[in-house]
Amino acid sequence: MIRLLPLVFALAASAAHAQAYPDRPVRLVVPFQAGGAVDATSRIVAEKLAESLRQPVVVENRVGAGGTLGSAQVAKAPADGYTLLFGVLGPIGLAPSLYSKLPYDPVADFAPVALIATYPNTLLISRSAPFKSVKELIAAARANPGAISYATGGSGTILHLSAELFSKMAGIKMTHIPYKGGLAAMPDVLAGRVPVLFANIGLAVPHVNSDKIAVLATTGTAKARFPLLPNVPTLAEAADLKGYETYDWFGILAPAGTPQPVVTQLNRSIMQLIETPEVRKKLADQGAQIERRTAPEFGEFIKAEIAKWAEVIKFSGAKLD
């Protein structure tokens, strides 16, 4: 009986913490700049989560090192549920293979709370390009390996890696031209100086009916077309690439060791808020597709993403240090 006392006390303390939680403001660390797409989405979630928790949820932008700076800060924070991370694919799923040294372990140092949404990226071409479809692009690239260039918002991004996976599965070779963001690449694509662009969904939607750019495909699931672009096929569909699927994602993580009742409470609150019509519409308008997963399911999802992208990053040769 004496040996059981520490466990009993620990469980009692955990239960008491959960009953009191939260009794003060919660900090949500966003590892990217204010005003960007990630920041805007985090504020939609923070506003409604605050209503559910009945405490302020304060968004704090911690920018640097591709999102790894803010992520590391949360990994080292007290595991009490009052510091959370707005986690995205880059610093969680890609960084382990892009950096030789990372100041945190994305699996061991975090308690997954909830996956909120995924969103695909897109393949665009200049209207002046000699190819007008994905299959024509593949044929042209096979005929002239390396001659066709493609732009992305930067090396090691999901856009770059989506293009590399596409090239590998299609058996082609293209030349990567990285820019500092998709918007920076757009003038050269509009002018036809770079014929291909892999861009996020938000950048593509305004150009659906453009006379200078064509949206050829999305990179999402082959099961269904993307609601914001119902007339645009997926790459898997357009190129007969069975199994091709890439997307960005975001969710909430806490420091490892956060009491399980707190994680469960947060997951429940987040699952409820993403079901509200207001939040669903706001996220859909930004191109996000709602996900519903338990905390353990989110944890398995993260592990699968790390493994998947490790292989892609290896053959792409991408490194950020």
C-alpha atoms as a PDB file:
ATOM      1  CA  MET A   1       0.000   0.000   0.000  1.00  0.00           C
ATOM      2  CA  ILE A   2       2.841   2.372   0.868  1.00  0.00           C
ATOM      3  CA  ARG A   3       4.315   1.918  -2.612  1.00  0.00           C
ATOM      4  CA  LEU A   4       1.014   3.005  -4.152  1.00  0.00           C
ATOM      5  CA  LEU A   5       0.842   6.279  -2.233  1.00  0.00           C
ATOM      6  CA  PRO A   6       3.070   8.310  -4.637  1.00  0.00           C
ATOM      7  CA  LEU A   7       0.919   7.189  -7.589  1.00  0.00           C
ATOM      8  CA  VAL A   8      -2.275   8.054  -5.730  1.00  0.00           C
ATOM      9  CA  PHE A   9      -0.953  11.499  -4.845  1.00  0.00           C
ATOM     10  CA  ALA A  10       0.181  12.084  -8.440  1.00  0.00           C
ATOM     11  CA  LEU A  11      -3.219  11.129  -9.833  1.00  0.00           C
ATOM     12  CA  ALA A  12      -4.952  13.308  -7.269  1.00  0.00           C
ATOM     13  CA  ALA A  13      -2.733  16.262  -8.149  1.00  0.00           C
ATOM     14  CA  SER A  14      -3.380  15.750 -11.858  1.00  0.00           C
ATOM     15  CA  ALA A  15      -7.142  15.627 -11.303  1.00  0.00           C
ATOM     16  CA  ALA A  16      -7.046  18.740  -9.155  1.00  0.00           C
ATOM     17  CA  HIS A  17      -5.036  20.574 -11.814  1.00  0.00           C
ATOM     18  CA  ALA A  18      -7.549  19.601 -14.484  1.00  0.00           C
ATOM     19  CA  GLN A  19     -10.499  20.763 -12.376  1.00  0.00           C
ATOM     20  CA  ALA A  20      -8.890  24.167 -11.868  1.00  0.00           C
ATOM     21  CA  TYR A  21      -7.649  24.521 -15.433  1.00  0.00           C
ATOM     22  CA  PRO A  22      -7.540  27.127 -16.725  1.00  0.00           C
ATOM     23  CA  ASP A  23      -7.549  29.749 -14.003  1.00  0.00           C
ATOM     24  CA  ARG A  24      -5.436  32.310 -15.882  1.00  0.00           C
ATOM     25  CA  PRO A  25      -4.678  33.328 -19.491  1.00  0.00           C
ATOM     26  CA  VAL A  26      -3.289  30.731 -21.901  1.00  0.00           C
ATOM     27  CA  ARG A  27      -0.413  31.625 -24.220  1.00  0.00           C
ATOM     28  CA  LEU A  28      -0.535  30.341 -27.810  1.00  0.00           C
ATOM     29  CA  VAL A  29       2.890  30.613 -29.449  1.00  0.00           C
ATOM     30  CA  VAL A  30       2.816  31.073 -33.218  1.00  0.00           C
ATOM     31  CA  PRO A  31       6.310  30.462 -34.659  1.00  0.00           C
ATOM     32  CA  PHE A  32       5.743  32.730 -37.664  1.00  0.00           C
ATOM     33  CA  GLN A  33       5.291  36.431 -38.275  1.00  0.00           C
ATOM     34  CA  ALA A  34       2.154  38.395 -37.462  1.00  0.00           C
ATOM     35  CA  GLY A  35      -0.067  39.110 -40.435  1.00  0.00           C
ATOM     36  CA  GLY A  36       0.785  35.945 -42.350  1.00  0.00           C
ATOM     37  CA  ALA A  37      -1.552  33.087 -43.221  1.00  0.00           C
ATOM     38  CA  VAL A  38      -0.477  30.950 -40.251  1.00  0.00           C
ATOM     39  CA  ASP A  39      -0.933  33.866 -37.843  1.00  0.00           C
ATOM     40  CA  ALA A  40      -4.370  34.719 -39.232  1.00  0.00           C
ATOM     41  CA  THR A  41      -5.551  31.135 -38.799  1.00  0.00           C
ATOM     42  CA  SER A  42      -4.155  30.916 -35.271  1.00  0.00           C
ATOM     43  CA  ARG A  43      -6.165  33.974 -34.249  1.00  0.00           C
ATOM     44  CA  ILE A  44      -9.394  32.423 -35.496  1.00  0.00           C
ATOM     45  CA  VAL A  45      -8.704  29.423 -33.273  1.00  0.00           C
ATOM     46  CA  ALA A  46      -7.482  31.484 -30.306  1.00  0.00           C
ATOM     47  CA  GLU A  47     -10.584  33.678 -30.253  1.00  0.00           C
ATOM     48  CA  LYS A  48     -12.988  30.748 -30.069  1.00  0.00           C
ATOM     49  CA  LEU A  49     -10.808  28.686 -27.742  1.00  0.00           C
ATOM     50  CA  ALA A  50     -10.836  31.603 -25.302  1.00  0.00           C
ATOM     51  CA  GLU A  51     -14.633  31.520 -25.296  1.00  0.00           C
ATOM     52  CA  SER A  52     -14.617  27.798 -24.583  1.00  0.00           C
ATOM     53  CA  LEU A  53     -11.995  27.978 -21.815  1.00  0.00           C
ATOM     54  CA  ARG A  54     -13.419  31.221 -20.387  1.00  0.00           C
ATOM     55  CA  GLN A  55      -9.927  32.628 -20.204  1.00  0.00           C
ATOM     56  CA  PRO A  56      -7.976  34.818 -22.635  1.00  0.00           C
ATOM     57  CA  VAL A  57      -5.883  32.937 -25.181  1.00  0.00           C
ATOM     58  CA  VAL A  58      -3.054  35.299 -26.066  1.00  0.00           C
ATOM     59  CA  VAL A  59      -1.324  34.820 -29.420  1.00  0.00           C
ATOM     60  CA  GLU A  60       2.420  35.403 -29.183  1.00  0.00           C
ATOM     61  CA  ASN A  61       4.521  35.463 -32.349  1.00  0.00           C
ATOM     62  CA  ARG A  62       8.015  34.020 -31.895  1.00  0.00           C
ATOM     63  CA  VAL A  63       9.668  34.277 -35.290  1.00  0.00           C
ATOM     64  CA  GLY A  64      12.909  32.725 -36.498  1.00  0.00           C
ATOM     65  CA  ALA A  65      14.725  29.741 -38.008  1.00  0.00           C
ATOM     66  CA  GLY A  66      11.813  28.500 -40.085  1.00  0.00           C
ATOM     67  CA  GLY A  67       9.489  28.202 -37.108  1.00  0.00           C
ATOM     68  CA  THR A  68      11.912  26.199 -34.986  1.00  0.00           C
ATOM     69  CA  LEU A  69      12.664  29.073 -32.591  1.00  0.00           C
ATOM     70  CA  GLY A  70       9.108  29.406 -31.320  1.00  0.00           C
ATOM     71  CA  SER A  71       8.644  25.637 -31.318  1.00  0.00           C
ATOM     72  CA  ALA A  72      11.735  25.196 -29.143  1.00  0.00           C
ATOM     73  CA  GLN A  73      10.425  27.779 -26.704  1.00  0.00           C
ATOM     74  CA  VAL A  74       7.221  25.806 -26.165  1.00  0.00           C
ATOM     75  CA  ALA A  75       9.118  22.515 -25.876  1.00  0.00           C
ATOM     76  CA  LYS A  76      11.014  23.995 -22.907  1.00  0.00           C
ATOM     77  CA  ALA A  77       7.994  25.670 -21.273  1.00  0.00           C
ATOM     78  CA  PRO A  78       6.323  24.386 -18.083  1.00  0.00           C
ATOM     79  CA  ALA A  79       4.052  21.433 -18.839  1.00  0.00           C
ATOM     80  CA  ASP A  80       0.971  22.941 -17.245  1.00  0.00           C
ATOM     81  CA  GLY A  81      -1.283  23.705 -20.211  1.00  0.00           C
ATOM     82  CA  TYR A  82      -0.699  27.452 -20.114  1.00  0.00           C
ATOM     83  CA  THR A  83       1.801  27.534 -22.988  1.00  0.00           C
ATOM     84  CA  LEU A  84       0.687  25.951 -26.247  1.00  0.00           C
ATOM     85  CA  LEU A  85       2.183  25.775 -29.727  1.00  0.00           C
ATOM     86  CA  PHE A  86       0.353  26.477 -32.947  1.00  0.00           C
ATOM     87  CA  GLY A  87       2.199  23.691 -34.692  1.00  0.00           C
ATOM     88  CA  VAL A  88       2.514  23.391 -38.453  1.00  0.00           C
ATOM     89  CA  LEU A  89       4.147  20.903 -40.800  1.00  0.00           C
ATOM     90  CA  GLY A  90       7.432  22.794 -41.313  1.00  0.00           C
ATOM     91  CA  PRO A  91       8.948  22.906 -37.803  1.00  0.00           C
ATOM     92  CA  ILE A  92       7.287  19.640 -36.705  1.00  0.00           C
ATOM     93  CA  GLY A  93       7.229  17.310 -39.712  1.00  0.00           C
ATOM     94  CA  LEU A  94      10.003  18.651 -41.972  1.00  0.00           C
ATOM     95  CA  ALA A  95      12.577  20.216 -39.641  1.00  0.00           C
ATOM     96  CA  PRO A  96      13.897  16.900 -38.204  1.00  0.00           C
ATOM     97  CA  SER A  97      15.281  16.013 -41.639  1.00  0.00           C
ATOM     98  CA  LEU A  98      16.153  19.518 -42.840  1.00  0.00           C
ATOM     99  CA  TYR A  99      18.364  20.489 -39.883  1.00  0.00           C
ATOM    100  CA  SER A 100      21.353  18.498 -38.661  1.00  0.00           C
ATOM    101  CA  LYS A 101      20.686  19.765 -35.144  1.00  0.00           C
ATOM    102  CA  LEU A 102      17.277  20.695 -33.793  1.00  0.00           C
ATOM    103  CA  PRO A 103      16.761  22.206 -30.310  1.00  0.00           C
ATOM    104  CA  TYR A 104      13.804  19.908 -29.668  1.00  0.00           C
ATOM    105  CA  ASP A 105      12.453  16.481 -30.543  1.00  0.00           C
ATOM    106  CA  PRO A 106       9.064  16.909 -32.267  1.00  0.00           C
ATOM    107  CA  VAL A 107       7.836  13.614 -30.852  1.00  0.00           C
ATOM    108  CA  ALA A 108       9.451  13.331 -27.415  1.00  0.00           C
ATOM    109  CA  ASP A 109       9.228  17.002 -26.413  1.00  0.00           C
ATOM    110  CA  PHE A 110       5.569  17.663 -27.209  1.00  0.00           C
ATOM    111  CA  ALA A 111       2.182  16.368 -26.148  1.00  0.00           C
ATOM    112  CA  PRO A 112      -0.052  16.385 -29.265  1.00  0.00           C
ATOM    113  CA  VAL A 113      -3.390  18.028 -28.479  1.00  0.00           C
ATOM    114  CA  ALA A 114      -5.404  18.338 -31.688  1.00  0.00           C
ATOM    115  CA  LEU A 115      -4.939  18.334 -35.444  1.00  0.00           C
ATOM    116  CA  ILE A 116      -7.218  21.109 -36.701  1.00  0.00           C
ATOM    117  CA  ALA A 117      -6.996  21.208 -40.477  1.00  0.00           C
ATOM    118  CA  THR A 118      -5.060  20.328 -43.604  1.00  0.00           C
ATOM    119  CA  TYR A 119      -4.823  22.228 -46.858  1.00  0.00           C
ATOM    120  CA  PRO A 120      -3.303  21.272 -50.214  1.00  0.00           C
ATOM    121  CA  ASN A 121      -0.992  23.271 -52.401  1.00  0.00           C
ATOM    122  CA  THR A 122      -1.264  23.841 -56.139  1.00  0.00           C
ATOM    123  CA  LEU A 123       0.599  23.476 -59.421  1.00  0.00           C
ATOM    124  CA  LEU A 124       0.365  26.547 -61.650  1.00  0.00           C
ATOM    125  CA  ILE A 125       1.849  27.285 -65.072  1.00  0.00           C
ATOM    126  CA  SER A 126       2.352  30.390 -67.136  1.00  0.00           C
ATOM    127  CA  ARG A 127      -0.174  30.609 -69.980  1.00  0.00           C
ATOM    128  CA  SER A 128       2.773  31.236 -72.306  1.00  0.00           C
ATOM    129  CA  ALA A 129       4.311  27.835 -71.487  1.00  0.00           C
ATOM    130  CA  PRO A 130       4.331  25.337 -74.395  1.00  0.00           C
ATOM    131  CA  PHE A 131       2.511  22.738 -72.264  1.00  0.00           C
ATOM    132  CA  LYS A 132      -1.130  23.158 -71.221  1.00  0.00           C
ATOM    133  CA  SER A 133      -1.777  20.178 -68.945  1.00  0.00           C
ATOM    134  CA  VAL A 134       0.023  18.113 -66.318  1.00  0.00           C
ATOM    135  CA  LYS A 135       0.545  15.249 -68.768  1.00  0.00           C
ATOM    136  CA  GLU A 136       1.994  17.637 -71.347  1.00  0.00           C
ATOM    137  CA  LEU A 137       4.319  19.078 -68.678  1.00  0.00           C
ATOM    138  CA  ILE A 138       5.530  15.574 -67.807  1.00  0.00           C
ATOM    139  CA  ALA A 139       6.114  14.742 -71.486  1.00  0.00           C
ATOM    140  CA  ALA A 140       8.080  17.962 -72.012  1.00  0.00           C
ATOM    141  CA  ALA A 141      10.198  17.348 -68.912  1.00  0.00           C
ATOM    142  CA  ARG A 142      10.965  13.788 -69.973  1.00  0.00           C
ATOM    143  CA  ALA A 143      12.023  14.978 -73.408  1.00  0.00           C
ATOM    144  CA  ASN A 144      14.372  17.623 -71.968  1.00  0.00           C
ATOM    145  CA  PRO A 145      15.554  16.622 -68.461  1.00  0.00           C
ATOM    146  CA  GLY A 146      16.353  19.675 -66.329  1.00  0.00           C
ATOM    147  CA  ALA A 147      15.362  22.182 -69.013  1.00  0.00           C
ATOM    148  CA  ILE A 148      12.061  23.144 -67.382  1.00  0.00           C
ATOM    149  CA  SER A 149      12.360  25.306 -64.273  1.00  0.00           C
ATOM    150  CA  TYR A 150       9.855  25.597 -61.464  1.00  0.00           C
ATOM    151  CA  ALA A 151       9.495  28.220 -58.762  1.00  0.00           C
ATOM    152  CA  THR A 152       8.574  27.847 -55.097  1.00  0.00           C
ATOM    153  CA  GLY A 153       8.544  30.033 -52.012  1.00  0.00           C
ATOM    154  CA  GLY A 154      11.842  28.594 -50.799  1.00  0.00           C
ATOM    155  CA  SER A 155      14.106  25.558 -50.441  1.00  0.00           C
ATOM    156  CA  GLY A 156      12.961  22.951 -47.951  1.00  0.00           C
ATOM    157  CA  THR A 157       9.367  24.196 -47.912  1.00  0.00           C
ATOM    158  CA  ILE A 158       6.398  21.913 -48.415  1.00  0.00           C
ATOM    159  CA  LEU A 159       6.054  23.507 -51.868  1.00  0.00           C
ATOM    160  CA  HIS A 160       9.600  22.526 -52.850  1.00  0.00           C
ATOM    161  CA  LEU A 161       9.166  19.023 -51.470  1.00  0.00           C
ATOM    162  CA  SER A 162       5.772  18.589 -53.130  1.00  0.00           C
ATOM    163  CA  ALA A 163       7.449  19.368 -56.446  1.00  0.00           C
ATOM    164  CA  GLU A 164      10.305  16.948 -55.728  1.00  0.00           C
ATOM    165  CA  LEU A 165       7.875  14.160 -54.861  1.00  0.00           C
ATOM    166  CA  PHE A 166       5.916  14.878 -58.043  1.00  0.00           C
ATOM    167  CA  SER A 167       9.117  14.753 -60.122  1.00  0.00           C
ATOM    168  CA  LYS A 168      10.216  11.487 -58.535  1.00  0.00           C
ATOM    169  CA  MET A 169       6.861   9.770 -59.005  1.00  0.00           C
ATOM    170  CA  ALA A 170       6.499  11.075 -62.576  1.00  0.00           C
ATOM    171  CA  GLY A 171      10.058  10.078 -63.473  1.00  0.00           C
ATOM    172  CA  ILE A 172      11.115  13.565 -64.560  1.00  0.00           C
ATOM    173  CA  LYS A 173      13.775  16.129 -63.685  1.00  0.00           C
ATOM    174  CA  MET A 174      13.055  19.855 -63.380  1.00  0.00           C
ATOM    175  CA  THR A 175      15.237  22.715 -62.106  1.00  0.00           C
ATOM    176  CA  HIS A 176      14.223  24.360 -58.850  1.00  0.00           C
ATOM    177  CA  ILE A 177      14.312  28.160 -58.529  1.00  0.00           C
ATOM    178  CA  PRO A 178      13.593  29.178 -54.915  1.00  0.00           C
ATOM    179  CA  TYR A 179      12.185  32.604 -54.081  1.00  0.00           C
ATOM    180  CA  LYS A 180      11.579  34.341 -50.772  1.00  0.00           C
ATOM    181  CA  GLY A 181       7.892  33.480 -50.734  1.00  0.00           C
ATOM    182  CA  GLY A 182       5.337  32.664 -53.387  1.00  0.00           C
ATOM    183  CA  LEU A 183       4.416  36.309 -53.973  1.00  0.00           C
ATOM    184  CA  ALA A 184       8.043  37.064 -54.874  1.00  0.00           C
ATOM    185  CA  ALA A 185       7.932  34.360 -57.538  1.00  0.00           C
ATOM    186  CA  MET A 186       4.679  35.499 -59.110  1.00  0.00           C
ATOM    187  CA  PRO A 187       6.050  38.305 -61.380  1.00  0.00           C
ATOM    188  CA  ASP A 188       8.443  35.916 -63.131  1.00  0.00           C
ATOM    189  CA  VAL A 189       5.699  33.327 -63.603  1.00  0.00           C
ATOM    190  CA  LEU A 190       3.234  35.946 -64.870  1.00  0.00           C
ATOM    191  CA  ALA A 191       5.847  37.108 -67.360  1.00  0.00           C
ATOM    192  CA  GLY A 192       6.609  33.547 -68.445  1.00  0.00           C
ATOM    193  CA  ARG A 193      10.258  33.687 -67.372  1.00  0.00           C
ATOM    194  CA  VAL A 194       9.626  30.686 -65.086  1.00  0.00           C
ATOM    195  CA  PRO A 195       6.938  28.398 -66.532  1.00  0.00           C
ATOM    196  CA  VAL A 196       5.935  26.397 -63.430  1.00  0.00           C
ATOM    197  CA  LEU A 197       5.028  27.425 -59.891  1.00  0.00           C
ATOM    198  CA  PHE A 198       4.128  25.341 -56.861  1.00  0.00           C
ATOM    199  CA  ALA A 199       2.132  27.688 -54.623  1.00  0.00           C
ATOM    200  CA  ASN A 200      -0.148  27.622 -51.600  1.00  0.00           C
ATOM    201  CA  ILE A 201      -3.872  27.501 -52.125  1.00  0.00           C
ATOM    202  CA  GLY A 202      -4.412  31.128 -51.132  1.00  0.00           C
ATOM    203  CA  LEU A 203      -2.089  32.341 -53.871  1.00  0.00           C
ATOM    204  CA  ALA A 204      -3.704  30.161 -56.515  1.00  0.00           C
ATOM    205  CA  VAL A 205      -7.414  30.867 -56.012  1.00  0.00           C
ATOM    206  CA  PRO A 206      -7.370  34.472 -57.354  1.00  0.00           C
ATOM    207  CA  HIS A 207      -5.750  33.211 -60.579  1.00  0.00           C
ATOM    208  CA  VAL A 208      -8.266  30.519 -61.478  1.00  0.00           C
ATOM    209  CA  ASN A 209      -9.643  32.603 -64.352  1.00  0.00           C
ATOM    210  CA  SER A 210      -6.432  34.467 -65.109  1.00  0.00           C
ATOM    211  CA  ASP A 211      -5.323  34.995 -68.693  1.00  0.00           C
ATOM    212  CA  LYS A 212      -1.660  34.749 -67.666  1.00  0.00           C
ATOM    213  CA  ILE A 213      -1.628  31.804 -65.231  1.00  0.00           C
ATOM    214  CA  ALA A 214      -3.410  28.447 -65.291  1.00  0.00           C
ATOM    215  CA  VAL A 215      -4.075  26.391 -62.158  1.00  0.00           C
ATOM    216  CA  LEU A 216      -3.429  22.849 -63.380  1.00  0.00           C
ATOM    217  CA  ALA A 217      -3.797  20.757 -60.226  1.00  0.00           C
ATOM    218  CA  THR A 218      -3.900  20.592 -56.460  1.00  0.00           C
ATOM    219  CA  THR A 219      -1.581  18.386 -54.420  1.00  0.00           C
ATOM    220  CA  GLY A 220      -4.253  17.055 -52.071  1.00  0.00           C
ATOM    221  CA  THR A 221      -5.982  13.757 -51.654  1.00  0.00           C
ATOM    222  CA  ALA A 222      -6.936  11.810 -54.754  1.00  0.00           C
ATOM    223  CA  LYS A 223     -10.306  10.949 -53.178  1.00  0.00           C
ATOM    224  CA  ALA A 224     -11.959  14.295 -53.825  1.00  0.00           C
ATOM    225  CA  ARG A 225     -11.334  17.625 -55.497  1.00  0.00           C
ATOM    226  CA  PHE A 226     -10.705  20.651 -53.333  1.00  0.00           C
ATOM    227  CA  PRO A 227     -13.927  22.591 -52.533  1.00  0.00           C
ATOM    228  CA  LEU A 228     -12.464  26.022 -53.379  1.00  0.00           C
ATOM    229  CA  LEU A 229     -11.281  24.705 -56.753  1.00  0.00           C
ATOM    230  CA  PRO A 230     -13.944  22.193 -57.822  1.00  0.00           C
ATOM    231  CA  ASN A 231     -12.903  22.266 -61.489  1.00  0.00           C
ATOM    232  CA  VAL A 232      -9.219  21.666 -60.774  1.00  0.00           C
ATOM    233  CA  PRO A 233      -8.082  18.011 -60.609  1.00  0.00           C
ATOM    234  CA  THR A 234      -5.586  16.646 -58.120  1.00  0.00           C
ATOM    235  CA  LEU A 235      -2.111  15.759 -59.397  1.00  0.00           C
ATOM    236  CA  ALA A 236      -2.849  12.117 -58.695  1.00  0.00           C
ATOM    237  CA  GLU A 237      -5.899  12.400 -60.934  1.00  0.00           C
ATOM    238  CA  ALA A 238      -4.365  14.576 -63.658  1.00  0.00           C
ATOM    239  CA  ALA A 239      -1.157  12.568 -64.042  1.00  0.00           C
ATOM    240  CA  ASP A 240      -2.287   9.081 -63.005  1.00  0.00           C
ATOM    241  CA  LEU A 241       0.125   9.229 -60.057  1.00  0.00           C
ATOM    242  CA  LYS A 242      -1.434   6.750 -57.678  1.00  0.00           C
ATOM    243  CA  GLY A 243      -0.599   7.582 -54.074  1.00  0.00           C
ATOM    244  CA  TYR A 244       0.583  11.136 -54.691  1.00  0.00           C
ATOM    245  CA  GLU A 245      -0.741  13.366 -51.934  1.00  0.00           C
ATOM    246  CA  THR A 246       0.821  16.295 -50.090  1.00  0.00           C
ATOM    247  CA  TYR A 247      -0.639  18.988 -47.891  1.00  0.00           C
ATOM    248  CA  ASP A 248       0.251  21.443 -45.214  1.00  0.00           C
ATOM    249  CA  TRP A 249      -1.414  21.186 -41.812  1.00  0.00           C
ATOM    250  CA  PHE A 250      -1.733  22.874 -38.453  1.00  0.00           C
ATOM    251  CA  GLY A 251      -2.735  21.863 -34.956  1.00  0.00           C
ATOM    252  CA  ILE A 252      -2.129  22.485 -31.272  1.00  0.00           C
ATOM    253  CA  LEU A 253       0.678  20.941 -29.216  1.00  0.00           C
ATOM    254  CA  ALA A 254       1.689  21.315 -25.578  1.00  0.00           C
ATOM    255  CA  PRO A 255       4.978  20.604 -23.809  1.00  0.00           C
ATOM    256  CA  ALA A 256       5.571  16.919 -23.069  1.00  0.00           C
ATOM    257  CA  GLY A 257       4.323  15.973 -19.633  1.00  0.00           C
ATOM    258  CA  THR A 258       1.228  18.166 -19.741  1.00  0.00           C
ATOM    259  CA  PRO A 259      -1.408  16.412 -17.571  1.00  0.00           C
ATOM    260  CA  GLN A 260      -3.584  14.102 -19.642  1.00  0.00           C
ATOM    261  CA  PRO A 261      -6.859  15.561 -18.322  1.00  0.00           C
ATOM    262  CA  VAL A 262      -5.728  18.982 -19.547  1.00  0.00           C
ATOM    263  CA  VAL A 263      -4.833  17.595 -22.981  1.00  0.00           C
ATOM    264  CA  THR A 264      -8.215  15.866 -23.161  1.00  0.00           C
ATOM    265  CA  GLN A 265     -10.040  19.036 -22.150  1.00  0.00           C
ATOM    266  CA  LEU A 266      -8.197  21.080 -24.767  1.00  0.00           C
ATOM    267  CA  ASN A 267      -8.855  18.494 -27.468  1.00  0.00           C
ATOM    268  CA  ARG A 268     -12.555  18.461 -26.618  1.00  0.00           C
ATOM    269  CA  SER A 269     -12.768  22.257 -26.696  1.00  0.00           C
ATOM    270  CA  ILE A 270     -10.957  22.464 -30.045  1.00  0.00           C
ATOM    271  CA  MET A 271     -13.083  19.742 -31.640  1.00  0.00           C
ATOM    272  CA  GLN A 272     -16.191  21.626 -30.534  1.00  0.00           C
ATOM    273  CA  LEU A 273     -15.042  24.999 -31.827  1.00  0.00           C
ATOM    274  CA  ILE A 274     -14.107  23.717 -35.294  1.00  0.00           C
ATOM    275  CA  GLU A 275     -17.642  22.368 -35.658  1.00  0.00           C
ATOM    276  CA  THR A 276     -19.201  25.813 -35.272  1.00  0.00           C
ATOM    277  CA  PRO A 277     -20.451  27.285 -38.565  1.00  0.00           C
ATOM    278  CA  GLU A 278     -18.491  30.515 -38.009  1.00  0.00           C
ATOM    279  CA  VAL A 279     -15.129  28.794 -37.585  1.00  0.00           C
ATOM    280  CA  ARG A 280     -15.776  26.281 -40.340  1.00  0.00           C
ATOM    281  CA  LYS A 281     -16.542  29.088 -42.793  1.00  0.00           C
ATOM    282  CA  LYS A 282     -13.517  31.173 -41.778  1.00  0.00           C
ATOM    283  CA  LEU A 283     -11.176  28.210 -42.144  1.00  0.00           C
ATOM    284  CA  ALA A 284     -12.769  27.105 -45.427  1.00  0.00           C
ATOM    285  CA  ASP A 285     -12.355  30.621 -46.824  1.00  0.00           C
ATOM    286  CA  GLN A 286      -8.617  30.248 -46.184  1.00  0.00           C
ATOM    287  CA  GLY A 287      -8.504  26.904 -47.958  1.00  0.00           C
ATOM    288  CA  ALA A 288      -8.391  24.714 -44.843  1.00  0.00           C
ATOM    289  CA  GLN A 289     -10.140  21.367 -44.597  1.00  0.00           C
ATOM    290  CA  ILE A 290     -11.304  20.459 -41.086  1.00  0.00           C
ATOM    291  CA  GLU A 291      -9.797  17.400 -39.363  1.00  0.00           C
ATOM    292  CA  ARG A 292     -11.226  15.501 -36.410  1.00  0.00           C
ATOM    293  CA  ARG A 293      -8.674  13.463 -34.473  1.00  0.00           C
ATOM    294  CA  THR A 294      -8.050  12.527 -30.879  1.00  0.00           C
ATOM    295  CA  ALA A 295      -4.787  13.572 -29.257  1.00  0.00           C
ATOM    296  CA  PRO A 296      -3.265  10.064 -29.686  1.00  0.00           C
ATOM    297  CA  GLU A 297      -4.354  10.001 -33.348  1.00  0.00           C
ATOM    298  CA  PHE A 298      -2.653  13.360 -33.881  1.00  0.00           C
ATOM    299  CA  GLY A 299       0.495  11.897 -32.331  1.00  0.00           C
ATOM    300  CA  GLU A 300       0.503   8.994 -34.785  1.00  0.00           C
ATOM    301  CA  PHE A 301      -0.164  11.419 -37.632  1.00  0.00           C
ATOM    302  CA  ILE A 302       2.945  13.448 -36.693  1.00  0.00           C
ATOM    303  CA  LYS A 303       5.125  10.334 -36.632  1.00  0.00           C
ATOM    304  CA  ALA A 304       3.868   9.301 -40.069  1.00  0.00           C
ATOM    305  CA  GLU A 305       4.525  12.778 -41.488  1.00  0.00           C
ATOM    306  CA  ILE A 306       8.090  12.837 -40.154  1.00  0.00           C
ATOM    307  CA  ALA A 307       8.801   9.442 -41.718  1.00  0.00           C
ATOM    308  CA  LYS A 308       7.201  10.324 -45.058  1.00  0.00           C
ATOM    309  CA  TRP A 309       9.061  13.594 -45.510  1.00  0.00           C
ATOM    310  CA  ALA A 310      12.368  12.181 -44.312  1.00  0.00           C
ATOM    311  CA  GLU A 311      12.440  10.038 -47.453  1.00  0.00           C
ATOM    312  CA  VAL A 312      11.491  12.927 -49.754  1.00  0.00           C
ATOM    313  CA  ILE A 313      14.038  15.278 -48.175  1.00  0.00           C
ATOM    314  CA  LYS A 314      16.755  12.641 -48.533  1.00  0.00           C
ATOM    315  CA  PHE A 315      16.377  12.227 -52.275  1.00  0.00           C
ATOM    316  CA  SER A 316      15.764  15.964 -52.809  1.00  0.00           C
ATOM    317  CA  GLY A 317      19.022  16.840 -51.059  1.00  0.00           C
ATOM    318  CA  ALA A 318      17.339  19.780 -49.273  1.00  0.00           C
ATOM    319  CA  LYS A 319      19.143  21.107 -46.180  1.00  0.00           C
ATOM    320  CA  LEU A 320      18.656  24.297 -44.159  1.00  0.00           C
ATOM    321  CA  ASP A 321      21.939  24.382 -42.238  1.00  0.00           C
END
